[in-house]
Amino acid sequence: MAVLLLGLGALLGGCVNQLAQRQARLDQFVGHPEQELVEKLGVPARTITTDGVTYLAYDDSRVAWVPPLPGFGRYGWWYYGPAYNAPPGAIEYQCEATFTVVGGVVKSYVLRGNACG
């Protein structure tokens, strides 16, 4: 039982650390030139400039396939083989990091999405 609790704690701790790791990686660009951001992360997916403020958006996405859910059988518990009650599906995980650049210097960033941490 203790091993199960430790494993669960490590698993949940790993999820929490993903956000902290992402923030630590992106925090290094705040206060640095826009050129350095583009050199390290590449060309952004989207860019817009309005009122002297530039916004650079970087996307991170992946798709996870979900297997069908097994059931007791199509015709009841006496059916001799496995049956699947739900079709397979896909879940898309996305995280967008949008950086705010003023005067050629990165001022801040915002994370949006279901896979940022």
Protein backbone atom coordinates (compact mmCIF):
# COMPACT_ATOMS: atom_id res chain seq x y z
CA MET A 1 0.00 0.00 0.00
CA ALA A 2 2.83 2.39 0.85
CA VAL A 3 4.45 1.69 -2.54
CA LEU A 4 1.17 2.53 -4.28
CA LEU A 5 0.89 5.82 -2.40
CA LEU A 6 4.50 6.70 -3.17
CA GLY A 7 3.98 5.89 -6.83
CA LEU A 8 0.83 8.00 -6.95
CA GLY A 9 2.64 10.87 -5.24
CA ALA A 10 5.49 10.67 -7.74
CA LEU A 11 3.05 10.60 -10.64
CA LEU A 12 1.16 13.65 -9.41
CA GLY A 13 4.41 15.39 -8.54
CA GLY A 14 5.58 14.82 -12.10
CA CYS A 15 2.46 16.57 -13.43
CA VAL A 16 3.03 19.55 -11.18
CA ASN A 17 6.69 19.73 -12.19
CA GLN A 18 5.78 19.95 -15.89
CA LEU A 19 4.30 23.41 -15.36
CA ALA A 20 7.25 24.47 -13.22
CA GLN A 21 9.70 23.16 -15.83
CA ARG A 22 7.90 24.96 -18.65
CA GLN A 23 7.80 28.21 -16.67
CA ALA A 24 11.49 27.92 -15.76
CA ARG A 25 12.36 27.40 -19.43
CA LEU A 26 10.29 30.40 -20.58
CA ASP A 27 11.24 32.70 -17.68
CA GLN A 28 14.79 32.87 -19.04
CA PHE A 29 13.54 34.95 -22.01
CA VAL A 30 11.87 37.71 -19.97
CA GLY A 31 14.06 40.82 -20.06
CA HIS A 32 16.08 39.53 -23.02
CA PRO A 33 16.01 40.68 -26.66
CA GLU A 34 13.32 39.38 -29.03
CA GLN A 35 16.10 38.12 -31.31
CA GLU A 36 17.31 35.73 -28.59
CA LEU A 37 13.77 34.35 -28.18
CA VAL A 38 13.47 33.66 -31.90
CA GLU A 39 16.98 32.16 -32.05
CA LYS A 40 16.17 29.69 -29.26
CA LEU A 41 12.49 28.85 -29.96
CA GLY A 42 12.40 29.39 -33.72
CA VAL A 43 9.92 31.32 -35.81
CA PRO A 44 6.62 31.83 -33.96
CA ALA A 45 3.36 30.34 -35.24
CA ARG A 46 1.67 33.76 -35.12
CA THR A 47 2.82 37.36 -34.69
CA ILE A 48 0.85 40.58 -34.35
CA THR A 49 1.92 44.13 -33.56
CA THR A 50 -0.49 46.69 -32.20
CA ASP A 51 0.23 50.07 -30.59
CA GLY A 52 3.96 49.34 -30.48
CA VAL A 53 3.50 46.01 -28.67
CA THR A 54 4.38 42.76 -30.47
CA TYR A 55 2.86 39.44 -29.49
CA LEU A 56 4.64 36.22 -30.50
CA ALA A 57 2.67 32.97 -30.15
CA TYR A 58 4.33 29.55 -29.98
CA ASP A 59 2.22 26.39 -30.13
CA ASP A 60 2.97 23.01 -28.59
CA SER A 61 0.46 20.28 -29.39
CA ARG A 62 0.17 16.51 -29.51
CA VAL A 63 -2.56 13.93 -29.97
CA ALA A 64 -3.09 10.94 -27.68
CA TRP A 65 -5.16 7.98 -28.86
CA VAL A 66 -7.61 6.53 -26.37
CA PRO A 67 -8.35 2.80 -26.80
CA PRO A 68 -11.95 1.55 -26.75
CA LEU A 69 -13.43 0.71 -23.38
CA PRO A 70 -13.98 -3.03 -22.82
CA GLY A 71 -17.41 -4.21 -21.79
CA PHE A 72 -19.10 -7.41 -20.71
CA GLY A 73 -20.30 -8.27 -24.19
CA ARG A 74 -22.78 -7.03 -26.71
CA TYR A 75 -25.56 -9.33 -25.58
CA GLY A 76 -24.99 -9.53 -21.84
CA TRP A 77 -22.63 -11.12 -19.38
CA TRP A 78 -22.95 -14.57 -21.02
CA TYR A 79 -21.30 -13.42 -24.27
CA TYR A 80 -18.01 -15.30 -24.51
CA GLY A 81 -15.73 -12.63 -25.92
CA PRO A 82 -14.80 -9.08 -25.08
CA ALA A 83 -16.89 -6.36 -26.57
CA TYR A 84 -16.16 -2.69 -26.80
CA ASN A 85 -18.78 -0.26 -25.64
CA ALA A 86 -17.12 2.92 -26.85
CA PRO A 87 -15.15 3.55 -30.04
CA PRO A 88 -11.52 4.59 -29.89
CA GLY A 89 -10.93 8.30 -29.80
CA ALA A 90 -8.31 10.98 -29.76
CA ILE A 91 -7.51 13.73 -27.29
CA GLU A 92 -5.63 16.78 -28.47
CA TYR A 93 -3.32 18.42 -25.95
CA GLN A 94 -2.30 22.02 -26.63
CA CYS A 95 -0.26 24.71 -24.95
CA GLU A 96 0.25 28.16 -26.41
CA ALA A 97 2.92 30.49 -25.06
CA THR A 98 2.32 34.11 -26.07
CA PHE A 99 5.20 36.50 -25.44
CA THR A 100 4.77 40.27 -25.12
CA VAL A 101 7.60 42.28 -26.68
CA VAL A 102 8.01 46.04 -26.20
CA GLY A 103 10.93 47.93 -27.71
CA GLY A 104 12.56 44.71 -28.87
CA VAL A 105 12.65 43.27 -25.32
CA VAL A 106 10.50 40.40 -24.01
CA LYS A 107 8.40 41.77 -21.14
CA SER A 108 6.20 38.78 -20.20
CA TYR A 109 4.42 35.67 -21.44
CA VAL A 110 1.09 33.93 -20.91
CA LEU A 111 0.35 30.20 -21.13
CA ARG A 112 -3.00 28.95 -22.45
CA GLY A 113 -4.27 25.45 -23.07
CA ASN A 114 -4.94 22.06 -21.52
CA ALA A 115 -1.34 20.81 -21.68
CA CYS A 116 0.70 23.66 -20.21
CA GLY A 117 1.43 21.84 -17.01
